[in-house]
Protein backbone atom coordinates (compact mmCIF):
# COMPACT_ATOMS: atom_id res chain seq x y z
CA MET A 1 82.66 108.37 157.80
CA LEU A 2 81.67 104.46 157.83
CA ASP A 3 84.69 102.45 157.87
CA TRP A 4 84.96 100.72 155.00
CA LYS A 5 85.92 97.63 156.62
CA ASP A 6 83.57 97.60 158.60
CA VAL A 7 81.07 97.65 155.48
CA HIS A 8 83.09 95.15 153.60
CA ALA A 9 82.80 92.42 156.62
CA PHE A 10 79.00 92.91 156.75
CA ALA A 11 78.36 92.56 152.61
CA ILE A 12 80.64 89.31 153.31
CA LEU A 13 78.66 88.25 155.91
CA ALA A 14 75.41 88.86 154.57
CA ARG A 15 76.43 86.36 151.57
CA ALA A 16 77.83 83.81 153.60
CA GLY A 17 75.22 83.62 155.85
CA SER A 18 77.50 82.72 159.35
CA LEU A 19 80.12 84.11 160.88
CA SER A 20 82.58 80.98 160.52
CA ALA A 21 82.04 81.39 157.04
CA ALA A 22 82.24 84.99 156.73
CA ALA A 23 85.88 84.77 158.68
CA ARG A 24 87.34 82.33 156.22
CA ILE A 25 86.55 84.26 153.28
CA LEU A 26 88.37 86.75 155.14
CA GLY A 27 90.76 85.36 156.62
CA VAL A 28 90.58 86.56 160.41
CA ASP A 29 88.71 84.58 162.96
CA HIS A 30 84.81 84.90 163.89
CA VAL A 31 85.24 87.50 167.05
CA THR A 32 86.95 89.91 164.38
CA VAL A 33 83.75 89.92 162.17
CA GLY A 34 81.62 89.87 165.11
CA ARG A 35 83.48 92.87 166.24
CA ARG A 36 83.51 94.82 162.59
CA ILE A 37 79.12 94.05 162.68
CA ALA A 38 78.67 95.50 165.84
CA SER A 39 80.40 98.48 165.20
CA LEU A 40 78.76 98.87 162.04
CA GLU A 41 75.66 98.44 163.98
CA GLN A 42 76.97 101.38 166.22
CA SER A 43 78.27 103.95 163.17
CA LEU A 44 74.12 103.38 161.41
CA GLY A 45 72.43 103.38 164.70
CA VAL A 46 70.09 100.08 163.37
CA THR A 47 70.57 96.65 164.06
CA LEU A 48 71.73 94.92 160.80
CA VAL A 49 71.76 90.75 162.18
CA GLU A 50 69.79 88.70 164.16
CA ARG A 51 71.85 86.42 166.10
CA LEU A 52 70.28 82.72 165.55
CA PRO A 53 71.88 79.51 167.20
CA ARG A 54 73.57 78.16 164.05
CA ARG A 55 73.88 81.27 161.82
CA ILE A 56 72.95 84.63 161.18
CA GLY A 57 70.02 86.31 159.60
CA LEU A 58 69.37 89.91 158.33
CA THR A 59 66.73 92.27 159.76
CA SER A 60 65.08 93.82 157.03
CA HIS A 61 67.26 96.88 157.96
CA GLY A 62 70.12 94.31 157.11
CA GLU A 63 68.68 93.53 153.95
CA ASP A 64 68.39 97.32 152.55
CA ILE A 65 72.06 97.54 153.83
CA ALA A 66 73.61 94.41 152.45
CA ALA A 67 72.53 95.26 149.22
CA LEU A 68 73.66 98.64 149.17
CA ALA A 69 77.61 97.05 150.89
CA SER A 70 77.14 95.05 148.19
CA LYS A 71 77.70 97.39 145.42
CA MET A 72 80.10 98.98 147.86
CA GLU A 73 82.08 95.77 147.04
CA GLU A 74 81.41 95.76 143.68
CA VAL A 75 82.81 99.27 143.20
CA SER A 76 85.81 99.11 145.30
CA HIS A 77 87.17 95.77 143.25
CA ALA A 78 86.31 97.90 140.10
CA ILE A 79 88.84 100.36 141.67
CA GLU A 80 91.83 97.90 142.37
CA ARG A 81 91.05 96.17 138.95
CA CYS A 82 91.88 99.93 137.68
CA ALA A 83 94.38 100.83 139.39
CA ARG A 84 95.98 96.80 138.81
CA GLY A 85 95.48 97.78 135.06
CA ARG A 86 97.57 101.09 135.03
CA SER A 87 99.64 99.98 137.57
CA GLU A 88 103.66 100.47 137.03
CA ALA A 89 105.20 98.35 140.14
CA THR A 90 108.43 96.53 139.02
CA VAL A 91 106.90 93.19 140.58
CA VAL A 92 103.23 92.69 139.84
CA SER A 93 101.60 89.09 140.32
CA VAL A 94 98.56 88.12 138.27
CA ARG A 95 95.45 85.64 140.04
CA ILE A 96 94.69 82.82 138.14
CA THR A 97 91.90 80.45 138.32
CA ALA A 98 91.67 77.06 136.59
CA PRO A 99 89.55 73.70 136.88
CA PRO A 100 92.06 71.57 138.77
CA ALA A 101 93.38 69.57 136.05
CA VAL A 102 94.06 72.18 133.72
CA ALA A 103 96.40 74.18 136.70
CA ALA A 104 98.08 70.84 137.22
CA ARG A 105 98.90 69.15 134.06
CA LEU A 106 98.79 72.00 131.18
CA ILE A 107 99.73 75.37 133.37
CA ALA A 108 102.09 74.78 136.34
CA PRO A 109 104.95 72.51 134.41
CA ARG A 110 104.55 75.33 131.76
CA ILE A 111 105.00 78.51 134.40
CA ALA A 112 109.17 77.54 134.44
CA GLY A 113 109.28 79.19 130.63
CA PHE A 114 107.01 81.53 131.45
CA HIS A 115 109.39 82.90 134.16
CA GLN A 116 112.10 82.75 131.87
CA THR A 117 110.66 85.89 129.81
CA HIS A 118 108.82 87.70 132.57
CA ARG A 119 110.66 88.03 135.49
CA ASN A 120 108.79 90.82 136.82
CA VAL A 121 105.28 88.76 136.78
CA ILE A 122 103.98 86.01 139.79
CA PRO A 123 101.37 84.37 138.60
CA ILE A 124 99.43 82.46 141.05
CA LEU A 125 97.59 79.63 140.05
CA ALA A 126 94.70 78.14 142.04
CA GLY A 127 92.65 75.07 140.81
CA VAL A 128 89.01 75.16 141.40
CA SER A 129 86.09 73.17 140.41
CA HIS A 130 83.89 76.21 140.85
CA HIS A 131 83.58 79.31 138.37
CA SER A 132 85.54 82.11 140.76
CA ALA A 133 84.03 85.48 140.94
CA LEU A 134 85.98 87.95 138.80
CA ASP A 135 84.13 90.61 139.98
CA ARG A 136 84.56 89.86 143.80
CA GLY A 137 88.59 89.98 143.15
CA GLU A 138 88.61 86.55 143.22
CA ALA A 139 91.01 85.93 140.38
CA ASP A 140 92.60 88.48 137.73
CA VAL A 141 91.94 85.67 134.77
CA ALA A 142 90.05 82.51 134.80
CA VAL A 143 90.03 79.51 132.68
CA ARG A 144 86.27 77.86 132.41
CA LEU A 145 85.04 74.99 130.81
CA ALA A 146 81.89 77.28 129.51
CA ARG A 147 81.85 80.36 127.99
CA PRO A 148 81.08 83.49 130.46
CA ARG A 149 78.13 85.13 130.63
CA ASP A 150 78.67 88.34 131.76
CA PRO A 151 78.93 91.04 128.93
CA ASP A 152 81.28 93.06 130.74
CA LEU A 153 83.81 90.63 130.13
CA VAL A 154 86.71 90.32 127.45
CA THR A 155 86.87 86.47 126.82
CA LYS A 156 88.86 84.14 123.86
CA LEU A 157 88.12 80.83 123.06
CA ILE A 158 91.41 78.69 123.87
CA GLY A 159 90.64 75.58 123.27
CA VAL A 160 88.72 71.90 123.64
CA MET A 161 88.98 69.79 126.54
CA ARG A 162 88.25 66.45 124.55
CA PHE A 163 87.73 63.10 126.62
CA GLY A 164 88.23 59.40 126.44
CA LEU A 165 87.57 56.18 128.71
CA TYR A 166 90.65 54.51 130.24
CA ALA A 167 91.28 51.36 132.45
CA THR A 168 94.69 49.42 132.45
CA PRO A 169 95.11 46.76 130.14
CA GLU A 170 94.24 44.17 132.30
CA ILE A 171 90.29 45.55 132.40
CA ALA A 172 90.61 46.58 128.52
CA ALA A 173 91.65 42.41 128.23
CA LYS A 174 87.52 41.65 129.63
CA PRO A 175 84.54 41.39 127.94
CA ALA A 176 82.89 44.88 127.68
CA SER A 177 80.05 43.33 129.43
CA GLU A 178 82.15 43.25 132.93
CA TRP A 179 83.93 46.39 132.55
CA THR A 180 82.97 48.56 135.71
CA PHE A 181 83.38 52.01 136.17
CA ILE A 182 84.91 55.27 138.37
CA GLY A 183 83.32 58.69 138.39
CA TYR A 184 82.14 61.62 140.28
CA ASP A 185 80.32 62.24 143.45
CA ALA A 186 76.39 62.85 143.67
CA ALA A 187 77.61 67.15 143.77
CA LEU A 188 78.68 67.02 140.47
CA GLU A 189 76.80 64.22 138.63
CA HIS A 190 75.89 67.65 136.05
CA THR A 191 79.02 67.38 134.36
CA THR A 192 79.07 66.94 130.92
CA GLN A 193 81.65 63.73 131.27
CA GLN A 194 79.50 62.53 133.77
CA VAL A 195 75.95 62.20 132.01
CA TRP A 196 78.13 60.87 128.92
CA LEU A 197 79.52 57.89 131.31
CA ARG A 198 76.38 57.59 132.97
CA SER A 199 75.22 57.14 128.89
CA LEU A 200 77.57 54.18 128.91
CA LEU A 201 77.01 51.98 131.78
CA ALA A 202 73.85 49.93 130.57
CA GLY A 203 73.25 48.32 133.90
CA ARG A 204 77.18 48.22 134.85
CA PRO A 205 78.26 49.63 138.04
CA ILE A 206 80.12 52.36 138.80
CA VAL A 207 82.21 50.94 141.85
CA PHE A 208 84.16 53.95 143.39
CA GLN A 209 83.31 57.57 143.27
CA ALA A 210 85.52 60.63 143.86
CA SER A 211 84.99 64.69 143.64
CA ASP A 212 88.28 64.95 141.81
CA LEU A 213 89.77 62.97 139.00
CA PHE A 214 93.14 63.08 140.67
CA GLY A 215 91.76 60.66 142.98
CA GLN A 216 89.42 58.97 140.25
CA VAL A 217 92.93 58.61 137.94
CA GLU A 218 94.40 56.58 140.91
CA ALA A 219 91.71 54.28 141.24
CA ALA A 220 91.81 53.31 137.59
CA ARG A 221 95.81 52.75 137.77
CA ALA A 222 94.92 50.11 140.71
CA GLY A 223 92.61 48.36 138.08
CA LEU A 224 89.43 48.99 139.99
CA GLY A 225 87.45 50.18 136.68
CA ALA A 226 87.58 52.41 133.66
CA VAL A 227 86.94 56.60 134.07
CA VAL A 228 86.81 59.25 131.83
CA LEU A 229 89.96 61.69 131.72
CA PRO A 230 90.42 64.67 129.86
CA ARG A 231 93.35 62.96 126.78
CA PHE A 232 95.60 65.45 128.20
CA MET A 233 95.95 63.09 130.87
CA GLY A 234 94.92 59.51 129.75
CA ASP A 235 97.06 59.55 126.61
CA PRO A 236 100.20 59.70 127.81
CA ASP A 237 99.48 57.77 131.01
CA PRO A 238 101.48 54.83 130.86
CA THR A 239 99.51 52.55 133.08
CA LEU A 240 96.23 52.90 131.18
CA VAL A 241 95.05 52.40 127.91
CA PRO A 242 91.96 54.37 125.72
CA LEU A 243 88.86 51.78 125.40
CA ARG A 244 86.46 52.60 122.99
CA PRO A 245 82.78 52.59 123.58
CA ASP A 246 80.17 53.10 121.11
CA THR A 247 79.23 56.29 121.88
CA PRO A 248 81.64 59.26 120.68
CA PRO A 249 83.18 61.08 123.52
CA PRO A 250 81.98 64.91 124.98
CA THR A 251 84.42 67.80 124.36
CA LEU A 252 84.15 70.59 125.69
CA ASP A 253 85.24 74.65 124.47
CA MET A 254 87.97 76.33 127.50
CA TRP A 255 87.93 80.11 127.63
CA LEU A 256 89.96 82.83 129.20
CA ALA A 257 87.87 85.75 130.82
CA THR A 258 88.88 88.92 132.70
CA TYR A 259 87.65 92.31 132.79
CA PRO A 260 88.72 94.89 130.20
CA ASP A 261 90.55 97.40 132.75
CA LEU A 262 92.76 94.33 133.62
CA ARG A 263 93.82 93.63 130.36
CA ARG A 264 95.40 97.11 130.16
CA SER A 265 97.88 95.96 132.59
CA HIS A 266 101.13 94.51 130.56
CA ALA A 267 101.21 91.56 132.96
CA VAL A 268 97.66 90.09 132.21
CA ARG A 269 98.05 90.83 128.51
CA ALA A 270 101.97 88.25 129.23
CA VAL A 271 99.71 85.95 131.10
CA MET A 272 96.58 85.98 129.01
CA ASP A 273 98.72 84.54 125.97
CA PHE A 274 100.94 82.44 127.96
CA LEU A 275 97.42 80.78 129.27
CA SER A 276 96.52 80.40 125.63
CA GLU A 277 99.30 78.79 124.21
CA ALA A 278 99.92 76.38 126.90
CA ILE A 279 96.51 74.97 126.60
CA GLY A 280 96.10 75.62 122.82
CA ALA A 281 99.21 73.35 122.57
CA GLU A 282 97.66 70.38 123.91
CA CYS A 283 94.00 71.16 123.61
CA GLY A 284 93.86 72.62 120.38
CA ILE A 285 91.08 74.12 118.38
CA THR A 286 90.45 72.62 115.25
CA ALA A 287 89.41 73.87 112.24
CA GLY A 288 85.89 75.77 111.61
CA GLN A 289 86.08 75.93 115.83
CA ALA A 290 87.62 79.33 116.11
């Protein structure tokens, strides 16, 4: 019989591309990953990986086994989801992923109210900039800024993120031709709000870039320039005022996603209802969008 932990480690290694990356994902050291791979190779009687200086490469046998191991991993997560959906445990944890600003500003401040009525449910919230892999167990419920394409997921439109351009009153008092701007770094040039910001520049400079909104808003508060923010961040900020550019700001639909077998769980349904209410309170859907 194969050891599933060996197969799982190999599936992660094949996807991650290096022992160190796989170790970070698995929460172990790279020596443990290497030992798992060696154990699997011994059990199968074939060489699966080529040890290269900075990464690992898969042999032809390794590529074939990696494809099967990935399917085994999907089945393993499906079994876990099925069990979680039917669990009658006294205390249940539900993993939630959401964009960092949504997690910090819309969800976390309302968790206390959720706890008062659902003391047996422990939300585990992660603010992430990427789409969490629900099929790999990275989350039970995900908040996303685009409609999920996986047809196996249960999805629900729960809100609309509206943006605005903000700056300190001192910046706002200057002629528009003298405005400077704050934006995302190159890795996030594709985002809707960054594309809109670029359309506003008209030769005016971006003087600071950051990978997250929290760094950007702090720079804007210091008077460095104008920044694009979700209105739930910009409108209540006492140090910033809205600017009125000629081009209307963009919007992004906000979606919930989970798997049908997880939605059978009372805890997951309670979390989904909570997220719908928490996000809808600040980012409500107008008539015609539902």
